[in-house]
Amino acid sequence: MKEPDAYECFPLRIVLLSNLIAISIYAVGAYILAGFGIWLAVLYLVYCGWIEHRVLRGSCVNCYYYGKVCGFGKGKLCSLLFKKGDPQKFAETQITWFDLVPDFLVSIFPMIGAIVLLAMGFSWTLLALLVILLALSSVGNAFVRGSFACKYCKQREAGCPAEKLFNRKAKTVQEHAAQ
């Protein structure tokens, strides 16, 4: 069976996989930061919740998948929480690497915490959690987005600021090859 160019509604397996990666990052990060006290783990989870809210409120309200099942399941959730925005606004949004700093901090905070805790006293478990966190936040996210979520996204076809940012180098190479 031929894969579609883009999904109108994503299959549940993709939504589950993408959310499993995100929840695993949050859980591993919270566990690591709990090494400094439960209060820091709770603050970290509140931060993760804020990041999710920020995405829903700032992007998902304007996305093609608002009210539908996107690769992350956020289109349906967003429609339950927020009023629909303007899909054209999504396509016109420009983002930079600086705009993604809050998202990267979800992984960076616990990575720094793990390094500090390892310096205070070595633990194979902590080292393994650091490696798992690094793998999930880099390879895991890239795999899910590149192989499943973004690859079959209708919003990407209509215009996605993240796709423009992440594929800028690839487009530049293709443009030079075409000349």
Protein backbone atom coordinates (compact mmCIF):
# COMPACT_ATOMS: atom_id res chain seq x y z
CA MET A 1 0.00 0.00 0.00
CA LYS A 2 1.37 3.42 -1.03
CA GLU A 3 1.98 5.93 1.76
CA PRO A 4 0.00 9.17 1.39
CA ASP A 5 1.73 12.44 0.56
CA ALA A 6 0.10 13.90 3.68
CA TYR A 7 -2.43 12.71 6.26
CA GLU A 8 -5.74 14.45 6.72
CA CYS A 9 -5.79 12.84 10.18
CA PHE A 10 -2.69 11.07 11.45
CA PRO A 11 -2.84 7.41 12.47
CA LEU A 12 -2.94 6.76 16.20
CA ARG A 13 0.41 4.90 16.10
CA ILE A 14 2.23 8.08 15.03
CA VAL A 15 0.49 10.20 17.68
CA LEU A 16 1.35 7.64 20.36
CA LEU A 17 4.98 7.38 19.27
CA SER A 18 5.51 11.14 19.14
CA ASN A 19 3.91 11.62 22.54
CA LEU A 20 5.83 8.70 24.02
CA ILE A 21 9.07 10.46 23.07
CA ALA A 22 7.94 13.77 24.61
CA ILE A 23 6.58 12.21 27.81
CA SER A 24 9.73 10.12 28.17
CA ILE A 25 11.88 13.25 27.90
CA TYR A 26 9.77 14.97 30.57
CA ALA A 27 9.81 11.91 32.86
CA VAL A 28 13.57 11.31 32.57
CA GLY A 29 14.24 15.03 33.02
CA ALA A 30 12.04 15.19 36.13
CA TYR A 31 13.66 12.08 37.58
CA ILE A 32 17.14 13.53 37.07
CA LEU A 33 16.22 16.89 38.58
CA ALA A 34 14.55 15.17 41.55
CA GLY A 35 18.15 14.43 42.59
CA PHE A 36 18.22 18.08 43.76
CA GLY A 37 14.87 17.79 45.52
CA ILE A 38 11.29 17.12 44.52
CA TRP A 39 10.57 20.85 44.28
CA LEU A 40 12.95 21.19 41.32
CA ALA A 41 11.35 18.23 39.54
CA VAL A 42 7.92 19.82 40.06
CA LEU A 43 9.16 23.20 38.76
CA TYR A 44 10.61 21.42 35.73
CA LEU A 45 7.28 19.69 35.01
CA VAL A 46 5.47 23.02 35.35
CA TYR A 47 7.96 24.43 32.82
CA CYS A 48 7.23 21.51 30.47
CA GLY A 49 3.51 22.25 30.85
CA TRP A 50 4.15 25.90 30.02
CA ILE A 51 6.08 24.85 26.89
CA GLU A 52 3.14 22.69 25.76
CA HIS A 53 0.71 25.55 26.47
CA ARG A 54 2.96 27.92 24.51
CA VAL A 55 2.89 25.63 21.47
CA LEU A 56 -0.88 25.11 21.65
CA ARG A 57 -1.63 28.81 22.11
CA GLY A 58 1.00 30.17 19.76
CA SER A 59 1.04 27.66 16.91
CA CYS A 60 -1.66 25.02 17.08
CA VAL A 61 -4.52 27.55 17.06
CA ASN A 62 -3.41 28.65 13.58
CA CYS A 63 -2.48 25.22 12.21
CA TYR A 64 -4.22 23.28 9.45
CA TYR A 65 -4.74 20.46 11.95
CA TYR A 66 -6.69 22.58 14.46
CA GLY A 67 -9.58 20.32 15.50
CA LYS A 68 -7.98 17.35 13.70
CA VAL A 69 -5.50 14.67 14.68
CA CYS A 70 -2.01 15.94 13.84
CA GLY A 71 1.16 13.92 14.25
CA PHE A 72 1.32 15.00 17.89
CA GLY A 73 -2.41 14.92 18.68
CA LYS A 74 -2.35 18.58 19.61
CA GLY A 75 -4.83 19.79 16.99
CA LYS A 76 -7.71 18.03 18.73
CA LEU A 77 -6.54 19.09 22.19
CA CYS A 78 -6.06 22.70 21.07
CA SER A 79 -9.62 22.90 19.73
CA LEU A 80 -10.92 21.90 23.17
CA LEU A 81 -8.93 24.64 24.93
CA PHE A 82 -8.61 27.58 22.54
CA LYS A 83 -10.51 29.41 19.82
CA LYS A 84 -9.38 28.82 16.23
CA GLY A 85 -6.86 31.29 14.89
CA ASP A 86 -5.81 32.21 11.35
CA PRO A 87 -4.17 29.45 9.27
CA GLN A 88 -2.50 32.06 7.04
CA LYS A 89 -0.77 33.47 10.13
CA PHE A 90 0.84 30.06 10.74
CA ALA A 91 2.35 29.94 7.24
CA GLU A 92 3.61 33.54 7.48
CA THR A 93 5.26 33.16 10.89
CA GLN A 94 9.04 33.46 10.88
CA ILE A 95 11.04 31.71 13.59
CA THR A 96 14.72 31.70 14.39
CA TRP A 97 16.92 29.38 16.42
CA PHE A 98 16.58 31.88 19.28
CA ASP A 99 12.80 31.32 19.30
CA LEU A 100 13.44 27.63 19.99
CA VAL A 101 15.62 28.19 23.08
CA PRO A 102 12.71 27.58 25.53
CA ASP A 103 12.00 24.26 23.79
CA PHE A 104 15.65 23.20 23.91
CA LEU A 105 15.82 24.04 27.61
CA VAL A 106 13.41 21.16 28.30
CA SER A 107 16.35 18.84 27.61
CA ILE A 108 19.22 21.13 28.54
CA PHE A 109 18.09 21.80 32.14
CA PRO A 110 18.12 18.10 33.14
CA MET A 111 21.30 17.43 31.14
CA ILE A 112 23.11 20.12 33.11
CA GLY A 113 21.54 18.74 36.29
CA ALA A 114 22.78 15.24 35.47
CA ILE A 115 26.31 16.52 34.83
CA VAL A 116 26.31 18.40 38.15
CA LEU A 117 24.98 15.35 40.01
CA LEU A 118 27.56 13.12 38.31
CA ALA A 119 30.31 15.53 39.39
CA MET A 120 29.00 15.33 42.97
CA GLY A 121 29.03 11.53 42.92
CA PHE A 122 29.23 9.13 40.00
CA SER A 123 26.27 6.85 39.31
CA TRP A 124 25.85 4.45 36.41
CA THR A 125 22.08 4.94 36.61
CA LEU A 126 22.43 8.69 36.30
CA LEU A 127 24.88 8.34 33.43
CA ALA A 128 22.45 5.98 31.65
CA LEU A 129 19.59 8.45 32.16
CA LEU A 130 21.74 11.25 30.73
CA VAL A 131 22.50 9.14 27.64
CA ILE A 132 18.82 8.19 27.29
CA LEU A 133 17.77 11.84 27.58
CA LEU A 134 20.35 12.87 25.00
CA ALA A 135 19.20 10.11 22.63
CA LEU A 136 15.49 10.87 23.05
CA SER A 137 15.86 14.62 22.62
CA SER A 138 18.12 14.39 19.58
CA VAL A 139 17.77 11.14 17.65
CA GLY A 140 14.30 10.29 18.99
CA ASN A 141 12.78 13.66 18.13
CA ALA A 142 14.52 13.81 14.75
CA PHE A 143 13.33 10.30 13.88
CA VAL A 144 9.69 10.95 14.79
CA ARG A 145 9.57 14.31 13.04
CA GLY A 146 11.58 13.32 9.98
CA SER A 147 10.11 9.87 9.41
CA PHE A 148 6.51 10.30 10.53
CA ALA A 149 5.09 13.59 11.77
CA CYS A 150 6.56 16.28 9.52
CA LYS A 151 7.01 13.99 6.54
CA TYR A 152 3.23 13.52 6.13
CA CYS A 153 2.04 16.92 7.38
CA LYS A 154 -0.38 19.01 5.31
CA GLN A 155 0.67 22.16 7.18
CA ARG A 156 4.25 21.58 6.01
CA GLU A 157 2.96 21.64 2.44
CA ALA A 158 0.97 24.85 3.11
CA GLY A 159 3.86 26.54 4.90
CA CYS A 160 5.54 25.73 8.18
CA PRO A 161 8.02 28.05 9.89
CA ALA A 162 9.87 25.13 11.52
CA GLU A 163 10.23 23.34 8.19
CA LYS A 164 11.63 26.55 6.69
CA LEU A 165 14.14 26.86 9.54
CA PHE A 166 15.27 23.23 9.70
CA ASN A 167 15.44 22.69 5.94
CA ARG A 168 17.13 26.00 5.07
CA LYS A 169 20.50 24.31 4.51
CA ALA A 170 19.00 21.53 2.38
CA LYS A 171 17.14 24.08 0.24
CA THR A 172 20.28 26.16 -0.22
CA VAL A 173 22.17 23.09 -1.47
CA GLN A 174 19.30 22.22 -3.84
CA GLU A 175 19.12 25.81 -5.15
CA HIS A 176 22.86 25.82 -5.90
CA ALA A 177 22.59 22.43 -7.63
CA ALA A 178 19.76 23.73 -9.84
CA GLN A 179 21.88 26.68 -11.06
